[in-house]
Structures are given as structure tokens and as C-alpha cells.
Protein backbone atom coordinates (compact mmCIF):
# COMPACT_ATOMS: atom_id res chain seq x y z
CA MET A 1 204.18 48.96 86.35
CA TYR A 2 202.99 46.01 84.20
CA ILE A 3 202.54 43.77 87.25
CA ILE A 4 200.63 46.51 89.09
CA LEU A 5 198.29 46.87 86.09
CA GLN A 6 197.63 43.11 85.98
CA ILE A 7 196.97 43.00 89.73
CA ALA A 8 194.54 45.91 89.30
CA LEU A 9 192.77 44.01 86.52
CA LEU A 10 192.57 40.93 88.75
CA ALA A 11 191.03 43.06 91.50
CA VAL A 12 188.42 44.37 89.03
CA ALA A 13 187.72 40.79 87.91
CA LEU A 14 187.14 39.65 91.50
CA PHE A 15 184.81 42.61 92.09
CA LEU A 16 182.80 41.70 88.96
CA LEU A 17 182.58 38.08 90.11
CA GLU A 18 181.44 39.11 93.59
CA LYS A 19 178.75 41.57 92.46
CA GLY A 20 177.77 39.59 89.38
CA SER A 21 177.16 36.34 91.26
CA ASP A 22 175.16 38.29 93.86
CA TRP A 23 172.92 39.88 91.21
CA LEU A 24 172.63 36.60 89.28
CA VAL A 25 171.39 34.62 92.29
CA GLU A 26 168.99 37.39 93.36
CA GLY A 27 167.61 37.91 89.86
CA ALA A 28 167.24 34.20 89.13
CA SER A 29 165.48 33.59 92.46
CA SER A 30 163.06 36.43 91.74
CA ILE A 31 162.27 34.98 88.31
CA ALA A 32 161.63 31.58 89.91
CA GLU A 33 159.19 33.18 92.35
CA ARG A 34 157.43 35.18 89.65
CA PHE A 35 156.85 32.11 87.46
CA ASN A 36 156.12 29.84 90.43
CA VAL A 37 158.95 27.44 89.56
CA SER A 38 161.62 26.05 91.83
CA ASP A 39 165.11 27.41 92.48
CA LEU A 40 166.39 24.03 91.29
CA PHE A 41 164.80 24.49 87.86
CA ILE A 42 166.32 27.98 87.53
CA GLY A 43 169.69 26.61 88.66
CA LEU A 44 169.51 23.74 86.15
CA THR A 45 168.64 26.01 83.23
CA ILE A 46 169.08 29.81 83.25
CA VAL A 47 171.91 30.03 85.79
CA ALA A 48 173.72 26.88 84.58
CA PHE A 49 173.61 27.81 80.91
CA GLY A 50 174.65 31.37 81.68
CA THR A 51 177.68 30.39 83.75
CA SER A 52 178.72 27.96 81.01
CA ALA A 53 179.15 30.84 78.55
CA PRO A 54 183.00 30.83 78.87
CA GLU A 55 183.17 27.09 78.10
CA PHE A 56 180.82 27.59 75.14
CA ALA A 57 182.89 30.45 73.71
CA VAL A 58 186.25 28.68 74.15
CA SER A 59 185.10 25.33 72.72
CA VAL A 60 183.12 26.66 69.74
CA VAL A 61 185.92 29.03 68.68
CA SER A 62 188.46 26.21 69.10
CA SER A 63 186.29 23.93 66.95
CA ILE A 64 185.99 26.55 64.20
CA GLN A 65 189.79 26.91 64.28
CA HIS A 66 190.11 23.09 64.11
CA LYS A 67 191.71 22.87 67.55
CA GLY A 68 189.78 19.82 68.73
CA GLY A 69 192.03 19.14 71.69
CA ILE A 70 191.19 22.49 73.27
CA ALA A 71 187.46 22.16 72.51
CA PHE A 72 187.18 18.68 74.02
CA GLY A 73 189.67 19.18 76.84
CA ASN A 74 187.91 22.35 77.96
CA VAL A 75 184.59 20.52 78.36
CA VAL A 76 186.03 17.49 80.14
CA GLY A 77 188.25 19.57 82.42
CA SER A 78 185.42 21.96 83.31
CA ASN A 79 183.06 19.10 84.17
CA ILE A 80 185.64 17.63 86.51
CA ALA A 81 186.32 21.04 88.10
CA ASN A 82 182.61 21.85 88.52
CA ILE A 83 181.98 18.79 90.70
CA ALA A 84 185.32 18.02 92.34
CA LEU A 85 186.51 21.59 92.93
CA ILE A 86 183.44 23.82 92.98
CA LEU A 87 181.04 21.52 94.82
CA GLY A 88 183.93 20.58 97.11
CA ILE A 89 184.51 24.22 98.06
CA THR A 90 180.75 24.84 98.35
CA LEU A 91 180.40 21.94 100.80
CA LEU A 92 183.09 23.48 103.01
CA ILE A 93 180.72 26.41 103.55
CA GLY A 94 178.09 24.11 105.01
CA LYS A 95 175.99 20.97 104.62
CA ILE A 96 173.92 20.75 101.44
CA SER A 97 170.82 18.62 100.92
CA VAL A 98 169.18 17.75 97.59
CA LYS A 99 165.67 16.81 96.56
CA LYS A 100 164.69 13.17 96.04
CA LYS A 101 164.16 13.72 92.32
CA THR A 102 167.71 15.08 92.01
CA ILE A 103 169.01 11.72 93.25
CA MET A 104 166.56 9.73 91.13
CA TYR A 105 166.64 11.68 87.88
CA GLU A 106 168.95 14.70 87.47
CA ILE A 107 172.24 13.19 88.65
CA PRO A 108 171.63 9.83 86.90
CA PHE A 109 170.78 11.77 83.70
CA LEU A 110 174.12 13.58 83.99
CA ILE A 111 175.95 10.27 84.46
CA ILE A 112 174.19 8.82 81.41
CA ALA A 113 174.98 11.96 79.36
CA GLN A 114 178.69 11.78 80.22
CA LEU A 115 178.86 8.03 79.58
CA SER A 116 177.04 8.50 76.25
CA ALA A 117 179.54 11.15 75.16
CA THR A 118 182.39 8.87 76.23
CA MET A 119 181.03 5.95 74.21
CA LEU A 120 180.47 8.14 71.13
CA PHE A 121 184.08 9.31 71.36
CA LEU A 122 185.62 5.88 71.98
CA LYS A 123 183.93 4.33 68.94
CA GLY A 124 186.17 6.32 66.59
CA GLY A 125 188.41 8.56 68.68
CA TYR A 126 186.60 11.74 67.62
CA PHE A 127 183.27 13.59 67.50
CA ASP A 128 181.66 14.42 64.18
CA TYR A 129 178.46 16.08 62.95
CA HIS A 130 176.31 13.00 63.68
CA ASP A 131 177.63 12.75 67.24
CA GLY A 132 176.81 16.43 67.73
CA ILE A 133 173.19 15.83 66.67
CA ILE A 134 172.89 12.95 69.17
CA LEU A 135 174.30 15.05 72.02
CA LEU A 136 172.03 18.01 71.23
CA SER A 137 169.02 15.66 71.06
CA LEU A 138 169.81 14.46 74.58
CA LEU A 139 170.00 18.09 75.71
CA VAL A 140 166.53 18.76 74.28
CA ILE A 141 165.21 15.73 76.19
CA PHE A 142 166.75 17.02 79.41
CA LEU A 143 165.29 20.51 78.92
CA ALA A 144 161.87 19.02 78.21
CA TYR A 145 162.11 16.96 81.41
CA ALA A 146 163.19 19.99 83.47
CA THR A 147 160.33 22.09 82.09
CA VAL A 148 157.64 19.45 82.68
CA THR A 149 158.79 18.60 86.21
CA SER A 150 159.04 22.27 87.17
CA LYS A 151 155.35 22.74 86.35
CA LYS A 152 154.39 19.71 88.44
CA GLU A 153 156.21 20.92 91.54
CA GLU A 154 154.17 22.68 94.18
CA ILE A 155 156.12 25.75 95.10
CA ARG A 156 155.25 27.46 98.32
CA ILE A 157 155.94 31.15 97.90
CA GLU A 158 156.27 33.09 101.08
CA GLU A 159 155.63 36.78 101.60
CA LYS A 160 158.39 38.75 99.88
CA ASN A 161 160.19 41.52 101.66
CA SER A 162 160.99 43.28 98.40
CA LYS A 163 158.76 42.96 95.38
CA ARG A 164 160.71 43.02 92.14
CA SER A 165 159.05 43.33 88.75
CA LEU A 166 159.77 40.64 86.17
CA LEU A 167 161.54 43.20 84.01
CA PHE A 168 163.86 44.24 86.84
CA ALA A 169 164.52 40.62 87.84
CA SER A 170 165.40 39.76 84.23
CA PHE A 171 167.65 42.81 83.97
CA LEU A 172 169.37 41.85 87.24
CA THR A 173 169.92 38.30 85.97
CA LEU A 174 171.37 39.45 82.64
CA ILE A 175 173.67 42.00 84.30
CA GLY A 176 174.77 39.30 86.76
CA LEU A 177 175.54 36.88 83.92
CA ALA A 178 177.51 39.53 82.06
CA CYS A 179 179.55 40.47 85.14
CA VAL A 180 180.25 36.85 86.10
CA THR A 181 181.27 35.89 82.56
CA GLY A 182 183.36 39.03 82.06
CA GLY A 183 184.94 38.66 85.49
CA GLY A 184 185.87 35.06 84.72
CA GLU A 185 187.51 35.98 81.42
CA LEU A 186 189.36 38.95 82.93
CA SER A 187 190.59 36.90 85.88
CA VAL A 188 192.09 34.30 83.53
CA TYR A 189 193.74 36.98 81.37
CA SER A 190 195.33 38.82 84.30
CA ALA A 191 196.32 35.68 86.21
CA VAL A 192 198.06 34.19 83.15
CA ASN A 193 199.99 37.43 82.57
CA ILE A 194 201.04 37.57 86.22
CA ALA A 195 202.19 33.94 86.09
CA ARG A 196 204.19 34.53 82.93
CA SER A 197 205.86 37.57 84.49
CA PHE A 198 207.17 35.31 87.25
CA LYS A 199 208.46 32.77 84.68
CA VAL A 200 205.90 30.11 85.57
CA SER A 201 205.81 27.41 82.86
CA GLU A 202 203.18 27.45 80.13
CA THR A 203 202.17 23.88 81.02
CA LEU A 204 201.51 24.81 84.63
CA ILE A 205 199.46 27.82 83.51
CA ALA A 206 197.40 25.68 81.12
CA THR A 207 196.64 22.92 83.62
CA THR A 208 195.76 25.22 86.48
CA ILE A 209 194.79 28.84 85.79
CA VAL A 210 193.23 28.48 82.32
CA ALA A 211 191.48 25.18 83.07
CA PHE A 212 190.08 26.63 86.28
CA GLY A 213 189.27 29.98 84.68
CA THR A 214 186.29 28.91 82.59
CA SER A 215 184.72 27.41 85.73
CA VAL A 216 185.12 30.60 87.79
CA PRO A 217 181.53 31.76 87.04
CA GLU A 218 180.12 28.48 88.39
CA LEU A 219 182.34 28.77 91.47
CA ALA A 220 181.28 32.34 92.25
CA THR A 221 177.59 31.61 91.66
CA SER A 222 177.47 28.35 93.65
CA ILE A 223 179.30 29.84 96.64
CA LYS A 224 177.08 32.93 96.65
CA ALA A 225 173.96 30.75 96.36
CA ALA A 226 175.11 28.57 99.27
CA LEU A 227 175.83 31.63 101.43
CA LYS A 228 172.34 32.95 100.67
CA SER A 229 170.82 29.54 101.56
CA LYS A 230 169.77 29.06 97.92
CA LYS A 231 171.26 25.57 97.93
CA ASP A 232 169.05 24.28 95.11
CA ILE A 233 170.59 26.93 92.85
CA ALA A 234 174.09 25.95 94.03
CA VAL A 235 173.60 22.26 93.19
CA GLY A 236 171.40 22.88 90.14
CA ASN A 237 174.02 25.25 88.71
CA ILE A 238 176.68 22.53 88.87
CA ILE A 239 174.50 19.73 87.45
CA GLY A 240 172.98 21.93 84.75
CA SER A 241 176.33 23.43 83.78
CA ASN A 242 177.89 19.99 83.34
CA MET A 243 174.85 18.88 81.34
CA PHE A 244 175.12 21.91 79.07
CA ASN A 245 178.90 21.44 78.69
CA ILE A 246 178.80 17.80 77.66
CA LEU A 247 175.63 17.94 75.53
CA GLY A 248 175.31 21.56 74.39
CA VAL A 249 178.88 22.89 74.16
CA LEU A 250 180.34 19.66 72.79
CA GLY A 251 177.29 19.08 70.58
CA VAL A 252 177.43 22.52 68.96
CA SER A 253 181.23 22.35 68.63
CA ALA A 254 180.96 19.03 66.76
CA LEU A 255 178.66 20.66 64.18
CA PHE A 256 181.44 22.98 62.99
CA SER A 257 184.26 20.47 62.55
CA LYS A 258 185.45 17.04 63.59
CA ILE A 259 186.69 17.16 67.19
CA LYS A 260 189.77 14.99 67.60
CA PRO A 261 192.12 15.58 70.55
CA ASP A 262 195.83 15.77 69.78
CA ARG A 263 196.72 13.56 72.73
CA ASN A 264 195.28 10.57 74.61
CA ILE A 265 192.37 11.74 76.74
CA ASP A 266 191.14 8.37 78.06
CA ILE A 267 192.28 9.05 81.64
CA ASP A 268 190.53 12.43 81.60
CA LEU A 269 187.30 10.74 80.48
CA PHE A 270 187.72 8.17 83.27
CA PHE A 271 188.09 10.98 85.82
CA MET A 272 185.03 12.79 84.46
CA ASN A 273 182.79 9.70 84.66
CA ALA A 274 184.18 8.64 88.05
CA ILE A 275 183.54 12.11 89.52
CA GLY A 276 179.98 12.01 88.12
CA ILE A 277 179.31 8.70 89.88
CA LEU A 278 180.95 10.07 93.04
CA LEU A 279 178.48 12.99 92.92
CA LEU A 280 175.63 10.49 93.19
CA LEU A 281 177.31 8.50 95.96
CA ILE A 282 177.96 11.49 98.24
CA PHE A 283 174.23 12.32 98.33
CA LEU A 284 173.06 8.70 98.45
CA ASN A 285 171.92 8.54 102.08
CA LYS A 286 168.62 8.76 103.98
CA LYS A 287 168.84 12.54 104.43
CA ARG A 288 170.22 13.09 100.90
CA ASN A 289 172.85 15.49 102.24
CA ALA A 290 176.59 16.00 101.98
CA LYS A 291 178.73 17.29 104.84
CA LYS A 292 182.07 19.10 104.89
CA TRP A 293 184.19 15.95 104.95
CA LYS A 294 182.70 14.91 101.61
CA GLY A 295 183.78 18.27 100.24
CA ILE A 296 187.31 17.42 101.32
CA VAL A 297 187.06 14.09 99.45
CA LEU A 298 186.02 15.95 96.30
CA LEU A 299 188.86 18.44 96.63
CA LEU A 300 191.38 15.61 97.10
CA SER A 301 190.00 14.00 93.94
CA TYR A 302 190.58 17.23 92.04
CA ALA A 303 194.11 17.50 93.45
CA MET A 304 194.80 13.97 92.16
CA TYR A 305 193.58 14.96 88.69
CA ILE A 306 195.75 18.10 88.59
CA PHE A 307 198.75 16.12 89.90
CA TYR A 308 198.25 13.58 87.12
CA GLY A 309 197.98 16.33 84.52
CA MET A 310 201.16 18.08 85.65
CA TYR A 311 203.45 15.08 86.09
CA PHE A 312 202.19 12.15 84.02
CA ARG A 313 201.05 13.68 80.72
């Protein structure tokens, strides 16, 4: 009976993720059209920050409870999963192209943000209040850049088949965010309980289901955006989410208490920075696109990271 209940909860979670990501993409796109800004800007900000809610909740609560390893590990692991796993799966759906400014500015900014966080950590082996202020300052700079560039872009708005009011579009976006976040949390809860029922080890659960769980909203949203040909939202969601994780989530968490992992995390940081550079390299061509085989490369990179976590930690 217990297993049946958990499977039912998992089914509800998947339904919430499916409908929530659908409403989120539709609502966010409508807001972009109403304010004459690009899908990329919406993906980098509203959608990305919304889908990072699980990471924010887990890391901030962990910091308050002085569990620095969870707070830091959650951010680093999610950033790796967002690019290597989520973008990898998204690319399997079809080829994705990015704008020139994404190659020139957004991805390099993400690389700089991750390297900056790495350097701040390596100088003392922890994050403190001052490091948090630096990270949050970088986030403000990024948001200012995103806002200014969105106003400079010339957006060509085509005739809309269905005219949605701003109020309805905002409501749709908020409901979508709530469903995606709730679905992600519920999927982790039920999946962990199912795994434990089958005597799967706690370590395996932690390195797979829980680590993947906080990135489920990004996965659902990016896949749905790609299927709806809203590829700027798919890519913007991943870049913006990683930016918010490393600068916002880690920055806010460091304000509450010193973040010091309880184990060596140098290899994890190496993976995070290497995957960030790989993100730039896969789009660094004349057409600024990434095909399915590059998605396979990303997925293999994630498999290597999980393999390392399970057998060499």
C-alpha cells in the first residue's frame, strides 16, 4: 500500500511538472510580448529565477542550520546538472541556436561568475558574509546588463492568435512556477521513499535522486520550451538559473552563516567550471548552434561526474 501511495504521488508530481512547465513557458512568452522584450531576457530572469526556487530553499535553509556542505554542494551539483544533463537532454530533442550576444556576453559572464566563486572559496576554504556581498554585487551587475540589453533589442512581434492580458499572463506564469516547483519537490520526496523501500543505499539516493531533484524544474521548463520552439527560453533558463544559483543562492546563503563544506569539493568545482567552458565551446561555431551529438557529449560528461561521486568520494 505504501509503495502504491508513493507511486501515485510521483504520478501527481509528473503531472504538475508537465502542466506547470507548459503554463510557465506560455505565460512568460506572453509577458515578453506584452513588454516588447525578448524570450531570452525572460528566460534569463523570470523563468530562470523561478525554476531555481528549490535550490534557493534547500541552500538557504541548510545555511541557517549550519550545514554548509549541503548548501554549497547543492549549488555546485545543480549547476553541473543544468548544463551537462538538462541542456544535453534538450539538445537530443533538436538543434538549438543562440544569439551572438549570448556567445559574447551571457555565457562568458557565467564562466566569470563561476570562476569568481571558485577563487573566493579557494582563498580560505569557505564563504563568509563578505564573499556573499561580492557574489550578490555581481548578480546586480548581471541583472542591470540583462535589463539594459533587453531594451536595446528590436523585437519583432507578430500577429498573435490569442491575445492574453498582462494580468492573465502573470497569473499563468506564477501558477506555472508554483506547479513546477511543487512538482519538483514532490518528485524528490516520492522517489526517495520508493528507493528506500527497495533498500537502495542512502549514498546512491543522495548522489542521484536528490541532486537531480532540485534541477527538475529547469529540466521540465527547458524541454517544454524547446518543444514549443521557444529555444531562447530553453537556453536562457539554463544560463540564468546557473547565474542565480552561483551568485544569488550562494550569496544569500553566505549572509546567514559561514559556508564550509565537510568534505573536499575541489573536483566538483573543477567539473562545474569545465562544464561552463564546454557550454561556450559547443556553441562556438559560425552558425552558433549545437546538434544532437553535442548533447550526447554533455550527457557523457554528467555520467562521468556521477560515476566519480558514487565510486571515488
